[in-house]
Amino acid sequence: MNSIAHDLGKLLLQAVPTVVLLIFVHLYLKFVFFKPLQGVLKQRRQATEGAQEGAEKSLAIASEKAAMYEIAIKEARGEMYKEQEETRRHWLDHQAARIEEARHRTHNKILQASQTIAAEVESAGRDLASSSQMLALQIVETLARGRMK
């Protein structure tokens, strides 16, 4: 058993430079390769997160602007509809005034025509009365001549 322990001790003694070399390589890689790599990855992560935050802020600003544009569009449409309604009302009022004026002119023409017809009727009545008197006289004369003969 002593020889096994002795061989094991020799083996361990021979492994010490390998272990030291491995520890040295580990430390060397840790400080020379992995720490700078971690720093670069950390910077990259920060830049990515910053870009994401910037994108989120830009998206929020764009959403606010879109909402403001929507409000402005709705107000513009409302104003346009209001102007159209005012124009329509003005047109309807103008049209109603023209219709009322046409009714008034037509009413005056009807009154004038009625007065003219009434005057013509009265004139025709007088003419008819005088003609009937003349006709009655002629009939009487004709009858009187016919009896005289």
Protein backbone atom coordinates (compact mmCIF):
# COMPACT_ATOMS: atom_id res chain seq x y z
CA MET A 1 0.00 0.00 0.00
CA ASN A 2 2.91 2.19 0.63
CA SER A 3 3.99 1.84 -2.94
CA ILE A 4 0.55 2.88 -4.13
CA ALA A 5 0.68 6.00 -1.97
CA HIS A 6 4.18 6.71 -3.18
CA ASP A 7 3.10 6.29 -6.84
CA LEU A 8 0.08 8.41 -6.21
CA GLY A 9 2.25 11.14 -4.67
CA LYS A 10 4.56 11.05 -7.70
CA LEU A 11 1.60 11.30 -9.99
CA LEU A 12 0.26 14.26 -8.07
CA LEU A 13 3.62 15.94 -8.09
CA GLN A 14 3.79 15.52 -11.85
CA ALA A 15 0.24 16.93 -12.18
CA VAL A 16 1.06 20.13 -10.24
CA PRO A 17 2.62 21.97 -13.25
CA THR A 18 -0.40 20.99 -15.38
CA VAL A 19 -2.79 22.25 -12.71
CA VAL A 20 -0.80 25.47 -12.33
CA LEU A 21 -0.74 25.85 -16.10
CA LEU A 22 -4.51 25.29 -16.25
CA ILE A 23 -5.10 27.86 -13.50
CA PHE A 24 -2.82 30.32 -15.34
CA VAL A 25 -4.65 29.69 -18.66
CA HIS A 26 -7.97 30.07 -16.87
CA LEU A 27 -6.96 33.41 -15.32
CA TYR A 28 -5.36 34.59 -18.55
CA LEU A 29 -8.48 33.80 -20.60
CA LYS A 30 -10.72 35.30 -17.92
CA PHE A 31 -8.92 38.66 -17.86
CA VAL A 32 -7.77 38.89 -21.46
CA PHE A 33 -10.69 37.35 -23.36
CA PHE A 34 -13.86 36.93 -21.27
CA LYS A 35 -13.84 40.28 -19.36
CA PRO A 36 -13.52 42.39 -22.54
CA LEU A 37 -16.09 40.13 -24.21
CA GLN A 38 -18.47 40.67 -21.28
CA GLY A 39 -17.87 44.43 -21.51
CA VAL A 40 -18.70 44.42 -25.23
CA LEU A 41 -21.81 42.32 -24.59
CA LYS A 42 -22.84 44.67 -21.79
CA GLN A 43 -22.41 47.70 -24.07
CA ARG A 44 -24.34 45.94 -26.79
CA ARG A 45 -27.16 45.10 -24.38
CA GLN A 46 -27.28 48.73 -23.17
CA ALA A 47 -27.30 50.02 -26.75
CA THR A 48 -30.07 47.59 -27.65
CA GLU A 49 -32.13 48.54 -24.61
CA GLY A 50 -31.52 52.24 -25.39
CA ALA A 51 -32.63 51.71 -28.96
CA GLN A 52 -35.73 49.89 -27.74
CA GLU A 53 -36.52 52.71 -25.31
CA GLY A 54 -35.98 55.25 -28.09
CA ALA A 55 -38.26 53.26 -30.38
CA GLU A 56 -40.92 53.07 -27.66
CA LYS A 57 -40.68 56.84 -27.10
CA SER A 58 -40.90 57.45 -30.85
CA LEU A 59 -43.90 55.15 -31.05
CA ALA A 60 -45.59 56.99 -28.17
CA ILE A 61 -44.90 60.36 -29.83
CA ALA A 62 -46.21 59.04 -33.15
CA SER A 63 -49.36 57.76 -31.43
CA GLU A 64 -49.92 61.15 -29.81
CA LYS A 65 -49.42 62.93 -33.13
CA ALA A 66 -51.79 60.50 -34.86
CA ALA A 67 -54.41 61.20 -32.18
CA MET A 68 -53.91 64.96 -32.62
CA TYR A 69 -54.23 64.59 -36.40
CA GLU A 70 -57.42 62.59 -35.96
CA ILE A 71 -58.84 65.30 -33.72
CA ALA A 72 -57.81 67.98 -36.21
CA ILE A 73 -59.40 66.03 -39.07
CA LYS A 74 -62.63 65.61 -37.11
CA GLU A 75 -62.70 69.33 -36.33
CA ALA A 76 -62.02 70.18 -39.98
CA ARG A 77 -64.78 67.85 -41.11
CA GLY A 78 -67.17 69.36 -38.58
CA GLU A 79 -66.31 72.84 -39.78
CA MET A 80 -66.72 71.77 -43.40
CA TYR A 81 -70.12 70.22 -42.65
CA LYS A 82 -71.11 73.38 -40.79
CA GLU A 83 -70.13 75.54 -43.78
CA GLN A 84 -72.01 73.23 -46.13
CA GLU A 85 -75.08 73.43 -43.89
CA GLU A 86 -74.87 77.22 -43.80
CA THR A 87 -74.53 77.33 -47.59
CA ARG A 88 -77.48 74.97 -47.95
CA ARG A 89 -79.60 77.07 -45.58
CA HIS A 90 -78.63 80.24 -47.44
CA TRP A 91 -79.54 78.60 -50.74
CA LEU A 92 -82.86 77.36 -49.35
CA ASP A 93 -83.66 80.83 -47.95
CA HIS A 94 -82.77 82.40 -51.29
CA GLN A 95 -84.87 79.82 -53.11
CA ALA A 96 -87.81 80.37 -50.73
CA ALA A 97 -87.54 84.14 -51.26
CA ARG A 98 -87.59 83.68 -55.03
CA ILE A 99 -90.58 81.33 -54.76
CA GLU A 100 -92.39 83.85 -52.56
CA GLU A 101 -91.59 86.62 -55.06
CA ALA A 102 -92.91 84.45 -57.91
CA ARG A 103 -96.08 83.76 -55.90
CA HIS A 104 -96.53 87.46 -55.27
CA ARG A 105 -96.07 88.30 -58.97
CA THR A 106 -98.43 85.48 -59.95
CA HIS A 107 -100.99 86.68 -57.41
CA ASN A 108 -100.76 90.23 -58.81
CA LYS A 109 -101.15 88.91 -62.37
CA ILE A 110 -104.18 86.87 -61.28
CA LEU A 111 -105.71 89.96 -59.64
CA GLN A 112 -105.06 92.02 -62.76
CA ALA A 113 -106.51 89.26 -64.95
CA SER A 114 -109.54 89.02 -62.65
CA GLN A 115 -110.06 92.77 -62.84
CA THR A 116 -109.66 92.70 -66.63
CA ILE A 117 -112.12 89.81 -66.92
CA ALA A 118 -114.56 91.57 -64.57
CA ALA A 119 -114.29 94.73 -66.69
CA GLU A 120 -114.76 92.69 -69.89
CA VAL A 121 -117.76 90.91 -68.35
CA GLU A 122 -119.26 94.23 -67.32
CA SER A 123 -118.57 95.68 -70.76
CA ALA A 124 -120.01 92.58 -72.42
CA GLY A 125 -123.04 92.84 -70.13
CA ARG A 126 -123.58 96.46 -71.16
CA ASP A 127 -123.07 95.57 -74.82
CA LEU A 128 -125.46 92.68 -74.43
CA ALA A 129 -128.02 94.89 -72.67
CA SER A 130 -127.85 97.53 -75.37
CA SER A 131 -127.87 94.87 -78.09
CA SER A 132 -130.85 93.20 -76.50
CA GLN A 133 -132.72 96.50 -76.34
CA MET A 134 -131.92 97.15 -79.98
CA LEU A 135 -132.90 93.64 -80.89
CA ALA A 136 -136.12 94.01 -78.91
CA LEU A 137 -136.88 97.24 -80.78
CA GLN A 138 -136.14 95.56 -84.11
CA ILE A 139 -138.42 92.68 -83.19
CA VAL A 140 -141.14 95.08 -82.20
CA GLU A 141 -140.70 97.04 -85.42
CA THR A 142 -140.70 93.87 -87.47
CA LEU A 143 -143.83 92.68 -85.73
CA ALA A 144 -145.43 96.07 -86.09
CA ARG A 145 -144.65 96.16 -89.82
CA GLY A 146 -145.92 92.69 -90.25
CA ARG A 147 -149.28 93.67 -88.70
CA MET A 148 -149.49 96.76 -90.69
CA LYS A 149 -149.29 95.03 -93.90
